[in-house]
């Protein structure tokens, strides 16, 4: 990873965290769809970031959300899990031209169909772990699974909107 990315990573870390704990925290549809846009911070980090740094940033992001949500490590555990899975998943779903150094997995760089294939499973895993840890097991399986699916869709839609509004299309950023 290039040292030029560090200020951008710090800025996006603070921005996604503030966005989550101030605005998006109150976005709930029909008491089942919750928006956890802070997951985008982990998913949109450059591909060439080291695994230890990736997992450390995911832990810090999840821990800070846990502090604001008073959720005892649930977000941190879900974030660390997707940070652990992410390198394996990016090798499983490579884009046509491959990855370049410093490249970020944004819609405008990688394309919409690749972005769906990359983000939806990771968001789903994050929400699956988060909601089933929250419920404490397999009680209310159907309702919890409905929360996972609806929250995955809502989080993905908000991520896409943010991408189209704020991310530039240049490669290698």
C-alpha atoms as a PDB file:
ATOM      1  CA  UNK A   1       0.000   0.000   0.000  1.00  0.00           C
ATOM      2  CA  UNK A   2       1.193   3.458  -0.874  1.00  0.00           C
ATOM      3  CA  UNK A   3       1.724   6.059   1.870  1.00  0.00           C
ATOM      4  CA  UNK A   4      -0.311   8.513  -0.210  1.00  0.00           C
ATOM      5  CA  UNK A   5      -3.422   6.558   0.760  1.00  0.00           C
ATOM      6  CA  UNK A   6      -3.027   7.063   4.519  1.00  0.00           C
ATOM      7  CA  UNK A   7      -4.650  10.543   4.720  1.00  0.00           C
ATOM      8  CA  UNK A   8      -7.544   9.345   2.559  1.00  0.00           C
ATOM      9  CA  UNK A   9      -8.004   6.247   4.705  1.00  0.00           C
ATOM     10  CA  UNK A  10      -8.011   8.307   7.894  1.00  0.00           C
ATOM     11  CA  UNK A  11     -10.477  10.783   6.361  1.00  0.00           C
ATOM     12  CA  UNK A  12     -12.845   8.038   5.162  1.00  0.00           C
ATOM     13  CA  UNK A  13     -12.575   6.261   8.530  1.00  0.00           C
ATOM     14  CA  UNK A  14     -13.710   9.391  10.360  1.00  0.00           C
ATOM     15  CA  UNK A  15     -16.322  10.254   7.734  1.00  0.00           C
ATOM     16  CA  UNK A  16     -17.988   6.814   7.656  1.00  0.00           C
ATOM     17  CA  UNK A  17     -17.932   6.584  11.441  1.00  0.00           C
ATOM     18  CA  UNK A  18     -19.499  10.026  11.869  1.00  0.00           C
ATOM     19  CA  UNK A  19     -22.044   9.266   9.165  1.00  0.00           C
ATOM     20  CA  UNK A  20     -23.014   6.020  10.906  1.00  0.00           C
ATOM     21  CA  UNK A  21     -23.328   7.312  14.464  1.00  0.00           C
ATOM     22  CA  UNK A  22     -25.025  10.613  13.627  1.00  0.00           C
ATOM     23  CA  UNK A  23     -27.256  10.255  10.570  1.00  0.00           C
ATOM     24  CA  UNK A  24     -27.613   6.642   9.483  1.00  0.00           C
ATOM     25  CA  UNK A  25     -28.156   5.326  12.991  1.00  0.00           C
ATOM     26  CA  UNK A  26     -31.732   6.535  12.786  1.00  0.00           C
ATOM     27  CA  UNK A  27     -32.432   5.014   9.359  1.00  0.00           C
ATOM     28  CA  UNK A  28     -34.680   2.008  10.036  1.00  0.00           C
ATOM     29  CA  UNK A  29     -37.359   0.776   7.661  1.00  0.00           C
ATOM     30  CA  UNK A  30     -40.324  -1.180   9.040  1.00  0.00           C
ATOM     31  CA  UNK A  31     -38.359  -2.234  12.156  1.00  0.00           C
ATOM     32  CA  UNK A  32     -36.448  -4.784  10.059  1.00  0.00           C
ATOM     33  CA  UNK A  33     -34.079  -2.942   7.696  1.00  0.00           C
ATOM     34  CA  UNK A  34     -31.153  -1.268   9.436  1.00  0.00           C
ATOM     35  CA  UNK A  35     -28.453   0.652   7.591  1.00  0.00           C
ATOM     36  CA  UNK A  36     -24.844  -0.025   8.581  1.00  0.00           C
ATOM     37  CA  UNK A  37     -22.993   2.117   6.070  1.00  0.00           C
ATOM     38  CA  UNK A  38     -19.750   2.006   8.074  1.00  0.00           C
ATOM     39  CA  UNK A  39     -19.141  -1.420   6.485  1.00  0.00           C
ATOM     40  CA  UNK A  40     -18.335   0.495   3.292  1.00  0.00           C
ATOM     41  CA  UNK A  41     -15.163   1.776   4.945  1.00  0.00           C
ATOM     42  CA  UNK A  42     -13.815  -1.782   5.207  1.00  0.00           C
ATOM     43  CA  UNK A  43     -15.047  -2.887   1.802  1.00  0.00           C
ATOM     44  CA  UNK A  44     -13.717   0.165  -0.067  1.00  0.00           C
ATOM     45  CA  UNK A  45     -10.163   0.073   1.259  1.00  0.00           C
ATOM     46  CA  UNK A  46      -7.459  -0.435  -1.420  1.00  0.00           C
ATOM     47  CA  UNK A  47      -6.919  -4.005  -2.571  1.00  0.00           C
ATOM     48  CA  UNK A  48      -3.222  -3.990  -1.693  1.00  0.00           C
ATOM     49  CA  UNK A  49      -3.711  -3.111   1.979  1.00  0.00           C
ATOM     50  CA  UNK A  50      -2.004  -5.559   4.323  1.00  0.00           C
ATOM     51  CA  UNK A  51      -4.130  -8.130   6.138  1.00  0.00           C
ATOM     52  CA  UNK A  52      -2.997  -7.055   9.593  1.00  0.00           C
ATOM     53  CA  UNK A  53      -3.744  -3.396   8.873  1.00  0.00           C
ATOM     54  CA  UNK A  54      -7.080  -4.325   7.296  1.00  0.00           C
ATOM     55  CA  UNK A  55      -8.156  -6.365  10.309  1.00  0.00           C
ATOM     56  CA  UNK A  56      -6.884  -3.708  12.732  1.00  0.00           C
ATOM     57  CA  UNK A  57      -8.835  -0.970  10.967  1.00  0.00           C
ATOM     58  CA  UNK A  58     -11.929  -3.186  10.864  1.00  0.00           C
ATOM     59  CA  UNK A  59     -11.620  -3.893  14.579  1.00  0.00           C
ATOM     60  CA  UNK A  60     -11.216  -0.195  15.416  1.00  0.00           C
ATOM     61  CA  UNK A  61     -14.151   0.749  13.205  1.00  0.00           C
ATOM     62  CA  UNK A  62     -16.386  -1.923  14.737  1.00  0.00           C
ATOM     63  CA  UNK A  63     -15.236  -1.113  18.250  1.00  0.00           C
ATOM     64  CA  UNK A  64     -16.036   2.575  17.859  1.00  0.00           C
ATOM     65  CA  UNK A  65     -19.486   1.738  16.495  1.00  0.00           C
ATOM     66  CA  UNK A  66     -19.925  -0.627  19.465  1.00  0.00           C
ATOM     67  CA  UNK A  67     -19.069   2.205  21.833  1.00  0.00           C
ATOM     68  CA  UNK A  68     -21.705   4.481  20.302  1.00  0.00           C
ATOM     69  CA  UNK A  69     -24.310   1.721  20.005  1.00  0.00           C
ATOM     70  CA  UNK A  70     -23.482   0.155  23.397  1.00  0.00           C
ATOM     71  CA  UNK A  71     -23.378  -3.264  21.750  1.00  0.00           C
ATOM     72  CA  UNK A  72     -20.548  -5.092  23.548  1.00  0.00           C
ATOM     73  CA  UNK A  73     -18.316  -6.077  20.607  1.00  0.00           C
ATOM     74  CA  UNK A  74     -20.944  -7.313  18.180  1.00  0.00           C
ATOM     75  CA  UNK A  75     -19.975  -4.853  15.460  1.00  0.00           C
ATOM     76  CA  UNK A  76     -16.270  -5.412  16.054  1.00  0.00           C
ATOM     77  CA  UNK A  77     -16.600  -9.168  15.660  1.00  0.00           C
ATOM     78  CA  UNK A  78     -18.630  -8.866  12.459  1.00  0.00           C
ATOM     79  CA  UNK A  79     -16.175  -6.328  11.022  1.00  0.00           C
ATOM     80  CA  UNK A  80     -13.127  -8.435  11.810  1.00  0.00           C
ATOM     81  CA  UNK A  81     -14.785 -11.430  10.175  1.00  0.00           C
ATOM     82  CA  UNK A  82     -15.443  -9.637   6.894  1.00  0.00           C
ATOM     83  CA  UNK A  83     -11.933  -8.131   6.996  1.00  0.00           C
ATOM     84  CA  UNK A  84     -10.600 -11.671   7.366  1.00  0.00           C
ATOM     85  CA  UNK A  85     -12.737 -12.990   4.494  1.00  0.00           C
ATOM     86  CA  UNK A  86     -12.182 -10.011   2.147  1.00  0.00           C
ATOM     87  CA  UNK A  87      -8.732 -11.005   0.754  1.00  0.00           C
ATOM     88  CA  UNK A  88      -9.969 -14.516  -0.005  1.00  0.00           C
ATOM     89  CA  UNK A  89     -13.118 -13.159  -1.612  1.00  0.00           C
ATOM     90  CA  UNK A  90     -11.208 -10.685  -3.822  1.00  0.00           C
ATOM     91  CA  UNK A  91      -9.122 -13.598  -5.138  1.00  0.00           C
ATOM     92  CA  UNK A  92     -12.319 -15.536  -5.842  1.00  0.00           C
ATOM     93  CA  UNK A  93     -14.003 -12.726  -7.820  1.00  0.00           C
ATOM     94  CA  UNK A  94     -11.210 -10.935  -9.726  1.00  0.00           C
ATOM     95  CA  UNK A  95     -12.188  -8.350 -12.349  1.00  0.00           C
ATOM     96  CA  UNK A  96     -11.404  -8.922 -16.037  1.00  0.00           C
ATOM     97  CA  UNK A  97      -8.282  -6.779 -16.102  1.00  0.00           C
ATOM     98  CA  UNK A  98      -7.056  -7.892 -12.688  1.00  0.00           C
ATOM     99  CA  UNK A  99      -6.135  -5.648  -9.795  1.00  0.00           C
ATOM    100  CA  UNK A 100      -3.711  -2.744  -9.911  1.00  0.00           C
ATOM    101  CA  UNK A 101      -1.624  -1.394  -7.059  1.00  0.00           C
ATOM    102  CA  UNK A 102      -3.545   1.145  -4.996  1.00  0.00           C
ATOM    103  CA  UNK A 103      -6.838   0.359  -6.717  1.00  0.00           C
ATOM    104  CA  UNK A 104     -10.011   0.765  -4.676  1.00  0.00           C
ATOM    105  CA  UNK A 105     -13.094  -1.396  -5.237  1.00  0.00           C
ATOM    106  CA  UNK A 106     -15.501   1.333  -6.294  1.00  0.00           C
ATOM    107  CA  UNK A 107     -18.366   1.091  -8.762  1.00  0.00           C
ATOM    108  CA  UNK A 108     -16.905   3.621 -11.169  1.00  0.00           C
ATOM    109  CA  UNK A 109     -13.561   1.802 -11.330  1.00  0.00           C
ATOM    110  CA  UNK A 110     -14.637  -1.844 -11.214  1.00  0.00           C
ATOM    111  CA  UNK A 111     -18.121  -1.719 -12.750  1.00  0.00           C
ATOM    112  CA  UNK A 112     -21.534  -2.258 -11.214  1.00  0.00           C
ATOM    113  CA  UNK A 113     -21.884  -6.006 -11.804  1.00  0.00           C
ATOM    114  CA  UNK A 114     -18.488  -6.737 -10.260  1.00  0.00           C
ATOM    115  CA  UNK A 115     -19.323  -4.428  -7.344  1.00  0.00           C
ATOM    116  CA  UNK A 116     -22.533  -6.364  -6.630  1.00  0.00           C
ATOM    117  CA  UNK A 117     -20.640  -9.668  -6.722  1.00  0.00           C
ATOM    118  CA  UNK A 118     -17.982  -8.283  -4.385  1.00  0.00           C
ATOM    119  CA  UNK A 119     -20.050  -6.382  -1.813  1.00  0.00           C
ATOM    120  CA  UNK A 120     -23.379  -8.172  -1.404  1.00  0.00           C
ATOM    121  CA  UNK A 121     -21.958 -11.436   0.007  1.00  0.00           C
ATOM    122  CA  UNK A 122     -19.652  -9.585   2.407  1.00  0.00           C
ATOM    123  CA  UNK A 123     -22.421  -7.281   3.605  1.00  0.00           C
ATOM    124  CA  UNK A 124     -24.689 -10.312   4.011  1.00  0.00           C
ATOM    125  CA  UNK A 125     -22.059 -12.137   6.107  1.00  0.00           C
ATOM    126  CA  UNK A 126     -21.518  -9.030   8.245  1.00  0.00           C
ATOM    127  CA  UNK A 127     -25.238  -8.653   8.908  1.00  0.00           C
ATOM    128  CA  UNK A 128     -25.728 -12.392   9.428  1.00  0.00           C
ATOM    129  CA  UNK A 129     -23.108 -12.464  12.175  1.00  0.00           C
ATOM    130  CA  UNK A 130     -24.237  -9.161  13.670  1.00  0.00           C
ATOM    131  CA  UNK A 131     -27.933 -10.009  13.967  1.00  0.00           C
ATOM    132  CA  UNK A 132     -27.525 -13.614  15.071  1.00  0.00           C
ATOM    133  CA  UNK A 133     -24.988 -12.597  17.738  1.00  0.00           C
ATOM    134  CA  UNK A 134     -27.405  -9.868  18.787  1.00  0.00           C
ATOM    135  CA  UNK A 135     -30.257 -12.357  19.182  1.00  0.00           C
ATOM    136  CA  UNK A 136     -27.936 -14.786  20.978  1.00  0.00           C
ATOM    137  CA  UNK A 137     -28.517 -17.884  18.891  1.00  0.00           C
ATOM    138  CA  UNK A 138     -31.066 -19.309  16.516  1.00  0.00           C
ATOM    139  CA  UNK A 139     -34.151 -18.011  18.320  1.00  0.00           C
ATOM    140  CA  UNK A 140     -36.461 -16.069  16.042  1.00  0.00           C
ATOM    141  CA  UNK A 141     -34.653 -17.510  13.012  1.00  0.00           C
ATOM    142  CA  UNK A 142     -37.162 -16.310  10.407  1.00  0.00           C
ATOM    143  CA  UNK A 143     -37.442 -12.766  11.746  1.00  0.00           C
ATOM    144  CA  UNK A 144     -33.671 -12.483  12.165  1.00  0.00           C
ATOM    145  CA  UNK A 145     -33.053 -13.749   8.647  1.00  0.00           C
ATOM    146  CA  UNK A 146     -35.576 -11.211   7.346  1.00  0.00           C
ATOM    147  CA  UNK A 147     -33.623  -8.479   9.189  1.00  0.00           C
ATOM    148  CA  UNK A 148     -30.378  -9.725   7.656  1.00  0.00           C
ATOM    149  CA  UNK A 149     -31.726  -9.725   4.101  1.00  0.00           C
ATOM    150  CA  UNK A 150     -33.556  -6.399   4.324  1.00  0.00           C
ATOM    151  CA  UNK A 151     -30.628  -4.710   6.076  1.00  0.00           C
ATOM    152  CA  UNK A 152     -28.216  -6.070   3.473  1.00  0.00           C
ATOM    153  CA  UNK A 153     -30.317  -4.574   0.685  1.00  0.00           C
ATOM    154  CA  UNK A 154     -30.691  -1.218   2.455  1.00  0.00           C
ATOM    155  CA  UNK A 155     -26.988  -0.984   3.307  1.00  0.00           C
ATOM    156  CA  UNK A 156     -26.041  -1.888  -0.263  1.00  0.00           C
ATOM    157  CA  UNK A 157     -28.401   0.733  -1.723  1.00  0.00           C
ATOM    158  CA  UNK A 158     -26.992   3.445   0.552  1.00  0.00           C
ATOM    159  CA  UNK A 159     -23.440   2.394  -0.409  1.00  0.00           C
ATOM    160  CA  UNK A 160     -24.328   2.681  -4.094  1.00  0.00           C
ATOM    161  CA  UNK A 161     -25.882   6.123  -3.602  1.00  0.00           C
ATOM    162  CA  UNK A 162     -22.781   7.315  -1.735  1.00  0.00           C
ATOM    163  CA  UNK A 163     -20.567   5.915  -4.500  1.00  0.00           C
ATOM    164  CA  UNK A 164     -22.415   7.755  -7.245  1.00  0.00           C
ATOM    165  CA  UNK A 165     -22.555  10.997  -5.280  1.00  0.00           C
ATOM    166  CA  UNK A 166     -19.041  11.266  -3.871  1.00  0.00           C
ATOM    167  CA  UNK A 167     -16.479   8.939  -5.489  1.00  0.00           C
ATOM    168  CA  UNK A 168     -14.366  10.009  -8.461  1.00  0.00           C
ATOM    169  CA  UNK A 169     -13.864   7.665 -11.405  1.00  0.00           C
ATOM    170  CA  UNK A 170     -10.091   7.834 -11.751  1.00  0.00           C
ATOM    171  CA  UNK A 171      -8.172   4.568 -11.411  1.00  0.00           C
ATOM    172  CA  UNK A 172      -5.644   3.987  -8.653  1.00  0.00           C
ATOM    173  CA  UNK A 173      -7.088   6.296  -6.001  1.00  0.00           C
END
